Protein backbone atom coordinates (compact mmCIF):
# COMPACT_ATOMS: atom_id res chain seq x y z
CA MET A 1 -17.63 -51.11 -111.74
CA HIS A 2 -20.24 -50.30 -109.14
CA ALA A 3 -20.29 -47.08 -107.12
CA PRO A 4 -19.81 -47.40 -103.22
CA ASN A 5 -22.89 -47.55 -101.05
CA THR A 6 -23.61 -43.93 -100.18
CA HIS A 7 -27.13 -44.22 -99.02
CA PRO A 8 -28.08 -40.79 -97.62
CA GLY A 9 -29.79 -42.18 -94.49
CA ARG A 10 -26.77 -44.25 -93.51
CA LEU A 11 -24.46 -41.25 -93.92
CA HIS A 12 -26.72 -39.15 -91.75
CA MET A 13 -26.70 -41.74 -88.95
CA ASN A 14 -22.91 -42.01 -89.01
CA GLY A 15 -22.61 -38.23 -88.58
CA PHE A 16 -24.88 -38.30 -85.51
CA THR A 17 -22.85 -41.11 -84.03
CA ARG A 18 -19.61 -39.18 -84.33
CA VAL A 19 -21.13 -36.03 -82.83
CA GLY A 20 -22.54 -38.02 -79.90
CA ALA A 21 -19.16 -39.58 -79.23
CA VAL A 22 -17.49 -36.18 -79.23
CA LEU A 23 -20.10 -34.79 -76.87
CA ALA A 24 -19.73 -37.76 -74.51
CA VAL A 25 -15.97 -37.34 -74.45
CA ALA A 26 -16.39 -33.61 -73.78
CA ALA A 27 -18.84 -34.28 -70.94
CA ILE A 28 -16.48 -36.80 -69.38
CA ALA A 29 -13.60 -34.34 -69.71
CA PHE A 30 -15.72 -31.60 -68.11
CA VAL A 31 -16.61 -33.82 -65.18
CA ILE A 32 -12.98 -34.83 -64.72
CA TRP A 33 -11.89 -31.18 -64.90
CA ASN A 34 -14.47 -30.21 -62.29
CA ILE A 35 -13.27 -32.97 -59.96
CA ILE A 36 -9.64 -31.94 -60.40
CA SER A 37 -10.55 -28.27 -59.83
CA ALA A 38 -12.48 -29.12 -56.70
CA HIS A 39 -9.55 -31.12 -55.30
CA ARG A 40 -7.15 -28.31 -56.19
CA ALA A 41 -9.43 -25.69 -54.54
CA ALA A 42 -9.72 -27.86 -51.42
CA ALA A 43 -5.95 -28.25 -51.28
CA ASN A 44 -5.47 -24.49 -51.73
CA LEU A 45 -8.07 -23.78 -49.04
CA ALA A 46 -6.39 -26.17 -46.62
CA THR A 47 -3.04 -24.57 -47.34
CA ALA A 48 -4.46 -21.07 -46.88
CA THR A 49 -6.22 -22.09 -43.67
CA GLU A 50 -3.05 -23.63 -42.32
CA ASP A 51 -1.07 -20.53 -43.24
CA ALA A 52 -3.68 -18.28 -41.63
CA ALA A 53 -3.53 -20.33 -38.44
CA ILE A 54 0.18 -19.59 -38.05
CA ALA A 55 0.53 -16.31 -36.17
CA THR A 56 3.04 -13.80 -37.45
CA VAL A 57 4.96 -12.31 -34.53
CA SER A 58 7.66 -9.77 -33.85
CA THR A 59 10.45 -10.71 -31.48
CA THR A 60 13.18 -9.16 -29.38
CA HIS A 61 16.08 -10.29 -27.24
CA PRO A 62 16.57 -9.49 -23.52
CA LYS A 63 19.23 -6.89 -22.85
CA PRO A 64 21.56 -6.90 -19.82
CA THR A 65 21.08 -4.12 -17.28
CA ASP A 66 23.81 -1.64 -16.37
CA PRO A 67 26.60 -3.72 -14.79
CA THR A 68 27.74 -0.76 -12.66
CA GLY A 69 24.51 -0.72 -10.70
CA SER A 70 21.54 1.63 -10.89
CA ALA A 71 19.11 3.56 -8.75
CA LEU A 72 15.94 2.06 -7.35
CA VAL A 73 13.37 4.88 -7.34
CA LEU A 74 10.33 4.41 -5.11
CA PRO A 75 7.58 6.69 -3.82
CA GLY A 76 7.70 7.68 -0.18
CA THR A 77 5.63 9.61 2.35
CA VAL A 78 7.10 12.07 4.84
CA GLN A 79 5.72 12.39 8.35
CA ALA A 80 6.75 14.44 11.34
CA ASN A 81 8.86 12.63 13.90
CA ILE A 82 6.15 13.33 16.52
CA ASP A 83 2.61 14.15 15.51
CA ALA A 84 -0.19 14.24 18.09
CA PRO A 85 -3.79 15.41 18.27
CA ILE A 86 -4.76 17.36 21.41
CA TYR A 87 -8.11 16.60 23.04
CA ALA A 88 -9.91 18.13 26.02
CA ARG A 89 -9.79 16.25 29.34
CA THR A 90 -12.67 18.25 30.83
CA SER A 91 -16.03 19.45 29.56
CA GLY A 92 -17.17 23.06 29.18
CA TYR A 93 -17.11 25.95 26.73
CA LEU A 94 -14.01 27.24 25.01
CA LYS A 95 -13.15 30.50 26.73
CA ARG A 96 -10.29 31.55 24.42
CA TRP A 97 -7.61 30.19 22.12
CA LEU A 98 -4.13 31.71 21.90
CA VAL A 99 -2.44 29.99 18.91
CA ASP A 100 -3.48 29.27 15.34
CA ILE A 101 -2.17 27.03 12.56
CA GLY A 102 1.48 27.59 11.68
CA ALA A 103 2.38 28.87 15.15
CA ARG A 104 5.53 27.45 16.71
CA VAL A 105 5.04 26.59 20.38
CA LYS A 106 7.15 25.37 23.27
CA ALA A 107 6.39 22.51 25.65
CA GLY A 108 4.00 23.73 28.37
CA GLN A 109 2.88 26.81 26.44
CA LEU A 110 -0.81 27.70 26.91
CA LEU A 111 -2.87 27.01 23.79
CA ALA A 112 -6.44 27.58 24.98
CA GLU A 113 -8.66 27.77 28.06
CA ILE A 114 -11.98 26.08 28.78
CA ASP A 115 -14.64 27.59 31.02
CA THR A 116 -15.82 24.80 33.37
CA PRO A 117 -18.45 26.19 35.84
CA GLU A 118 -19.77 22.71 36.70
CA VAL A 119 -16.32 21.52 37.65
CA GLN A 120 -15.81 24.58 39.86
CA GLN A 121 -19.07 23.85 41.66
CA GLN A 122 -18.07 20.24 42.13
CA LEU A 123 -14.71 21.40 43.45
CA SER A 124 -16.38 23.63 46.04
CA GLN A 125 -18.65 20.79 47.09
CA ALA A 126 -15.68 18.44 47.39
CA GLN A 127 -13.88 20.92 49.64
CA ALA A 128 -16.95 21.06 51.90
CA ASP A 129 -17.14 17.25 51.91
CA VAL A 130 -13.52 17.09 53.04
CA ALA A 131 -14.20 19.53 55.88
CA THR A 132 -17.22 17.48 56.98
CA ALA A 133 -15.32 14.20 56.81
CA GLN A 134 -12.42 15.74 58.72
CA ALA A 135 -14.73 16.91 61.52
CA ASN A 136 -16.43 13.51 61.71
CA GLN A 137 -13.07 11.76 61.77
CA SER A 138 -11.80 14.00 64.58
CA ILE A 139 -14.78 13.37 66.88
CA ALA A 140 -14.74 9.65 66.06
CA ALA A 141 -11.04 9.44 66.91
CA VAL A 142 -11.54 11.28 70.25
CA THR A 143 -14.50 9.07 71.11
CA ALA A 144 -12.64 5.89 70.32
CA GLU A 145 -9.70 7.05 72.45
CA ARG A 146 -11.99 7.79 75.44
CA TRP A 147 -13.73 4.44 75.20
CA GLN A 148 -10.40 2.67 75.10
CA SER A 149 -9.47 4.46 78.38
CA LEU A 150 -12.78 3.44 79.97
CA ARG A 151 -12.25 -0.14 78.81
CA LYS A 152 -9.08 -0.31 80.87
CA THR A 153 -11.15 0.24 84.06
CA ASP A 154 -13.91 -2.11 82.85
CA SER A 155 -16.32 0.81 82.79
CA VAL A 156 -17.54 -0.21 79.29
CA SER A 157 -17.77 -3.52 77.50
CA LYS A 158 -15.16 -4.65 75.03
CA GLN A 159 -17.88 -4.78 72.32
CA ASP A 160 -18.72 -1.09 72.77
CA ALA A 161 -15.05 -0.08 72.72
CA ASP A 162 -14.44 -2.06 69.52
CA GLU A 163 -17.45 -0.42 67.84
CA LYS A 164 -16.14 3.06 68.64
CA ALA A 165 -12.70 2.12 67.24
CA SER A 166 -14.33 0.79 64.08
CA LEU A 167 -16.33 3.99 63.65
CA ALA A 168 -13.10 5.96 63.95
CA ASP A 169 -11.47 3.85 61.22
CA ALA A 170 -14.53 4.26 58.97
CA SER A 171 -14.45 8.03 59.48
CA LYS A 172 -10.79 8.11 58.54
CA ALA A 173 -11.54 6.11 55.36
CA GLN A 174 -14.34 8.56 54.46
CA LEU A 175 -11.92 11.44 54.95
CA ASP A 176 -9.36 9.79 52.64
CA SER A 177 -12.07 9.24 50.01
CA ALA A 178 -13.20 12.87 50.22
CA ARG A 179 -9.61 14.08 49.89
CA ALA A 180 -9.03 11.83 46.86
CA ASN A 181 -12.20 13.17 45.20
CA LEU A 182 -11.06 16.73 45.93
CA GLN A 183 -7.68 16.04 44.32
CA ARG A 184 -9.39 14.51 41.29
CA LEU A 185 -11.52 17.60 40.80
CA ARG A 186 -8.48 19.85 41.28
CA ASP A 187 -6.69 17.91 38.53
CA LEU A 188 -9.79 18.11 36.36
CA SER A 189 -9.97 21.82 36.97
CA GLY A 190 -6.36 22.08 35.86
CA PHE A 191 -7.32 20.52 32.51
CA GLN A 192 -9.21 23.69 31.64
CA ARG A 193 -5.79 24.95 30.52
CA ILE A 194 -4.78 23.31 27.21
CA VAL A 195 -0.98 23.32 26.95
CA ALA A 196 1.50 22.06 24.36
CA PRO A 197 2.94 18.64 25.24
CA PHE A 198 6.20 19.23 23.33
CA ASP A 199 7.97 21.76 21.13
CA GLY A 200 6.45 21.87 17.67
CA ILE A 201 4.21 23.61 15.19
CA ILE A 202 0.42 23.82 15.24
CA THR A 203 -0.85 22.15 12.07
CA ALA A 204 -4.60 22.20 12.81
CA ARG A 205 -7.10 24.09 14.98
CA GLU A 206 -10.56 22.53 15.07
CA THR A 207 -12.30 24.72 17.68
CA ASP A 208 -13.37 28.30 18.37
CA VAL A 209 -14.55 30.56 21.18
CA GLY A 210 -17.88 29.53 22.68
CA ARG A 211 -17.88 26.00 21.28
CA LEU A 212 -19.08 23.26 23.59
CA ILE A 213 -16.15 21.05 24.50
CA ALA A 214 -16.69 17.42 25.52
CA ALA A 215 -14.04 15.54 27.42
CA GLY A 216 -12.62 12.76 25.27
CA GLY A 217 -9.71 10.44 24.88
CA GLY A 218 -9.55 10.18 21.11
CA THR A 219 -13.26 9.68 20.44
CA GLY A 220 -14.32 13.32 20.32
CA PRO A 221 -13.09 16.02 17.93
CA GLU A 222 -9.52 17.16 18.41
CA LEU A 223 -8.91 20.75 19.45
CA PHE A 224 -5.42 21.14 17.98
CA ARG A 225 -2.81 19.04 16.21
CA ILE A 226 0.86 19.63 16.93
CA SER A 227 3.88 18.25 15.05
CA ASP A 228 7.57 18.21 15.75
CA GLU A 229 9.01 18.50 12.23
CA ARG A 230 12.68 19.10 13.15
CA GLN A 231 13.29 15.51 12.13
CA LEU A 232 11.09 13.69 9.63
CA ARG A 233 10.24 10.05 9.18
CA LEU A 234 10.16 8.79 5.61
CA TYR A 235 8.19 5.62 4.87
CA VAL A 236 8.94 3.58 1.75
CA ARG A 237 7.64 0.19 0.60
CA VAL A 238 10.54 -1.72 -0.96
CA PRO A 239 9.85 -4.72 -3.26
CA GLN A 240 10.66 -8.09 -1.75
CA SER A 241 13.45 -8.73 -4.26
CA PHE A 242 15.36 -5.70 -2.85
CA ALA A 243 14.60 -6.36 0.83
CA PRO A 244 17.99 -8.02 1.54
CA GLN A 245 19.76 -4.77 0.58
CA MET A 246 17.95 -2.73 3.24
CA GLY A 247 20.56 -2.77 6.03
CA PRO A 248 21.40 -0.46 8.95
CA ASP A 249 23.90 1.47 6.79
CA THR A 250 21.52 2.03 3.89
CA THR A 251 21.13 5.63 2.72
CA ALA A 252 18.94 7.20 0.07
CA GLN A 253 18.70 10.46 -1.83
CA VAL A 254 15.30 12.09 -1.54
CA SER A 255 13.77 14.61 -3.93
CA PHE A 256 10.49 16.53 -3.68
CA PRO A 257 8.28 17.85 -6.49
CA ASP A 258 8.06 21.26 -4.82
CA ARG A 259 11.87 21.57 -4.62
CA PRO A 260 13.18 20.63 -8.09
CA GLY A 261 16.91 20.11 -8.37
CA VAL A 262 17.41 19.80 -4.60
CA THR A 263 18.08 16.46 -2.91
CA PHE A 264 18.22 15.47 0.74
CA THR A 265 20.00 12.54 2.36
CA ALA A 266 17.95 10.03 4.33
CA THR A 267 19.47 7.43 6.65
CA MET A 268 18.08 4.09 7.74
CA ASP A 269 16.07 4.11 10.96
CA SER A 270 14.37 0.69 10.97
CA THR A 271 12.37 -1.79 8.89
CA ALA A 272 9.29 -3.84 9.63
CA ASN A 273 11.40 -7.03 9.39
CA ALA A 274 8.43 -8.67 7.68
CA ILE A 275 7.06 -8.82 4.15
CA ASP A 276 3.54 -7.51 3.69
CA SER A 277 1.57 -10.43 2.26
CA THR A 278 -0.78 -8.09 0.38
CA THR A 279 1.82 -6.00 -1.47
CA ASN A 280 4.88 -8.28 -1.16
CA THR A 281 6.89 -5.30 0.05
CA LEU A 282 9.05 -4.42 3.05
CA LEU A 283 8.10 -1.27 4.97
CA VAL A 284 11.26 0.82 5.51
CA GLN A 285 11.50 3.83 7.82
CA LEU A 286 14.17 6.44 7.07
CA LYS A 287 15.18 9.60 8.92
CA VAL A 288 15.55 13.00 7.25
CA ASP A 289 17.04 15.98 9.09
CA ASN A 290 14.79 19.02 8.83
CA ALA A 291 16.37 21.37 11.36
CA LYS A 292 15.96 24.29 8.94
CA GLY A 293 12.27 23.56 8.42
CA GLU A 294 12.63 23.30 4.64
CA LEU A 295 10.44 20.20 4.27
CA LEU A 296 6.76 19.83 5.04
CA PRO A 297 5.28 16.82 6.86
CA GLY A 298 2.84 14.82 4.77
CA ALA A 299 4.68 15.54 1.51
CA TYR A 300 5.24 13.05 -1.31
CA ALA A 301 8.86 12.19 -2.12
CA ASP A 302 10.89 10.23 -4.68
CA VAL A 303 13.37 8.02 -2.83
CA HIS A 304 16.49 6.93 -4.74
CA PHE A 305 18.27 3.84 -3.40
CA LYS A 306 21.61 2.82 -4.92
CA VAL A 307 21.34 -0.80 -6.03
CA GLU A 308 24.65 -2.64 -5.88
CA PRO A 309 25.61 -4.56 -9.07
CA GLY A 310 25.39 -8.30 -8.88
CA ALA A 311 23.36 -8.25 -5.69
CA ARG A 312 20.81 -10.61 -7.22
CA GLY A 313 22.76 -12.05 -10.10
CA GLU A 314 22.49 -10.99 -13.74
CA SER A 315 19.28 -9.21 -14.61
CA LEU A 316 17.83 -8.46 -18.02
CA LEU A 317 15.51 -5.85 -19.53
CA LEU A 318 12.43 -6.64 -21.59
CA PRO A 319 9.67 -4.47 -23.06
CA ALA A 320 6.61 -4.51 -20.83
CA ASN A 321 4.45 -5.80 -23.69
CA THR A 322 6.11 -9.23 -23.59
CA LEU A 323 4.44 -10.45 -20.41
CA LEU A 324 1.81 -13.18 -20.26
CA PHE A 325 -0.19 -13.46 -17.03
CA ARG A 326 -1.20 -17.03 -16.36
CA SER A 327 -2.74 -18.75 -13.34
CA ASP A 328 0.64 -20.17 -12.32
CA GLY A 329 2.51 -16.85 -12.59
CA ILE A 330 4.11 -14.48 -15.08
CA HIS A 331 5.47 -15.99 -18.32
CA VAL A 332 7.02 -14.84 -21.58
CA ALA A 333 6.63 -16.58 -24.95
CA THR A 334 9.92 -17.50 -26.62
CA VAL A 335 10.59 -19.02 -30.06
CA ASP A 336 12.96 -21.96 -30.59
CA ALA A 337 15.04 -22.73 -33.67
CA ASN A 338 12.07 -24.47 -35.36
CA ASN A 339 9.75 -21.48 -34.85
CA ASN A 340 7.82 -23.28 -32.12
CA VAL A 341 6.56 -21.45 -29.03
CA VAL A 342 8.10 -22.18 -25.60
CA LEU A 343 6.47 -20.48 -22.59
CA LYS A 344 8.96 -19.66 -19.84
CA PRO A 345 8.08 -18.56 -16.27
CA ILE A 346 10.04 -15.52 -15.08
CA ILE A 347 10.60 -13.48 -11.93
CA ILE A 348 10.46 -9.73 -12.45
CA GLY A 349 12.29 -7.02 -10.50
CA ARG A 350 11.82 -3.33 -11.09
CA ASP A 351 9.09 -1.89 -13.28
CA TYR A 352 10.30 0.98 -15.47
CA GLY A 353 6.93 1.55 -17.09
CA SER A 354 7.66 0.67 -20.71
CA ALA A 355 10.26 -1.92 -19.70
CA ILE A 356 10.61 -4.42 -16.87
CA GLU A 357 13.57 -6.07 -15.22
CA VAL A 358 13.75 -9.88 -15.33
CA VAL A 359 15.84 -11.37 -12.53
CA HIS A 360 15.27 -15.05 -13.27
CA GLY A 361 14.05 -17.27 -16.10
CA LEU A 362 15.71 -15.87 -19.26
CA THR A 363 19.06 -15.56 -20.99
CA PRO A 364 20.23 -12.91 -23.45
CA GLN A 365 20.07 -15.55 -26.23
CA ASP A 366 16.30 -16.14 -25.85
CA THR A 367 14.04 -14.87 -28.63
CA VAL A 368 11.01 -13.32 -26.96
CA ILE A 369 7.68 -12.59 -28.70
CA LEU A 370 6.41 -9.02 -28.52
CA SER A 371 2.70 -8.54 -27.71
CA PRO A 372 1.99 -12.30 -27.63
CA PRO A 373 -1.67 -13.40 -28.06
CA ASP A 374 -3.23 -14.72 -24.86
CA SER A 375 -4.16 -17.90 -26.74
CA LEU A 376 -0.51 -18.93 -27.27
CA ILE A 377 0.45 -22.29 -25.80
CA ASP A 378 3.59 -24.41 -25.83
CA HIS A 379 4.57 -25.92 -29.20
CA ASP A 380 2.40 -23.54 -31.25
CA ARG A 381 4.03 -22.75 -34.59
CA VAL A 382 4.60 -19.08 -35.45
CA ARG A 383 5.99 -17.03 -38.29
CA VAL A 384 8.74 -14.65 -37.12
CA LYS A 385 9.30 -11.17 -38.44
CA ALA A 386 12.63 -9.42 -38.21
CA PRO A 387 13.42 -9.15 -34.43
CA ALA A 388 13.64 -5.80 -32.69
CA THR A 389 17.15 -4.81 -31.72
CA THR A 390 16.54 -3.07 -28.38
CA ALA A 391 14.34 -3.44 -25.37
CA ALA A 392 11.85 -0.57 -25.44
CA GLY A 393 12.19 1.81 -22.58
CA ALA A 394 15.58 0.42 -21.47
């Protein structure tokens, strides 16, 4: 028997062949693994990107307001029923003043006096002008009467008689003018006494002894300011949504920061009967009795109106951080059953600071997104956290 062919060179080549095949298979496997890994990484990245694009939001539900009604609290400004600046009607120097701020005065009471030497000189001249005009008118009247008598006997011409009568009429007109000027200066001289036009309290004094006073009708500096504070006017700007409730029988409770725990009753006086296009509010004027002088004109006040339940239908409360301000109005972002965003336009009522009242556009069943991103649009998909149970600030 012959031994198998075991030539060493052939055996060596066969070994290299097997090693090469193994390496080729390994290389192919490595390439395939890399391709699979790359596809898997791309799929994971796409999934992660898609998950990151879905916003995670917190939600809440609108809560009904108090069905028994509530108070509408608005800022107001108190003014005196009558408030007037007092100006000088004649020029001169202030001779003396008799009242200062805080003084209570009666109508016609003397407040100050103005020294007017120029006016006195003009008054004396006007009196002399009247005397001159009166003398001229007397001689002209006598002359005209004589010429009319002579005309009856044809001693003078009709032309001459008519001229004398005309001169008499002109003299009478000059006398009337001089008398009118004298009366004007007498009235002007009377304005050197500054008197109170009505009962009230002096709230400002803007002059002093020796100061030059210029006659003015609201253009120059005021000398005094007087207010009648026995009844006050209270001005409040009421939002348009509450304007229909401001009727002739409307009352309000008024409180002042300087009188804590004390309230005053204000009654309706009138309204502007028009909505201010800038603020969308109705200007309301109320009356407050201040016969005891407890309240100060110009003060700030909190005005509490009682809002009747159901006056505008059912209203809801939402946290203030749910609002989205868009070009077409105020919206909130809600979430439907498929976690898709639905933007809803709303009409708001009162602003409580941390919460707002919604009078139209929502139901208690709506799921509203808290602090929604400005980039949210309809049909965006979101991830919802556990919803809040109450409306903040309600």
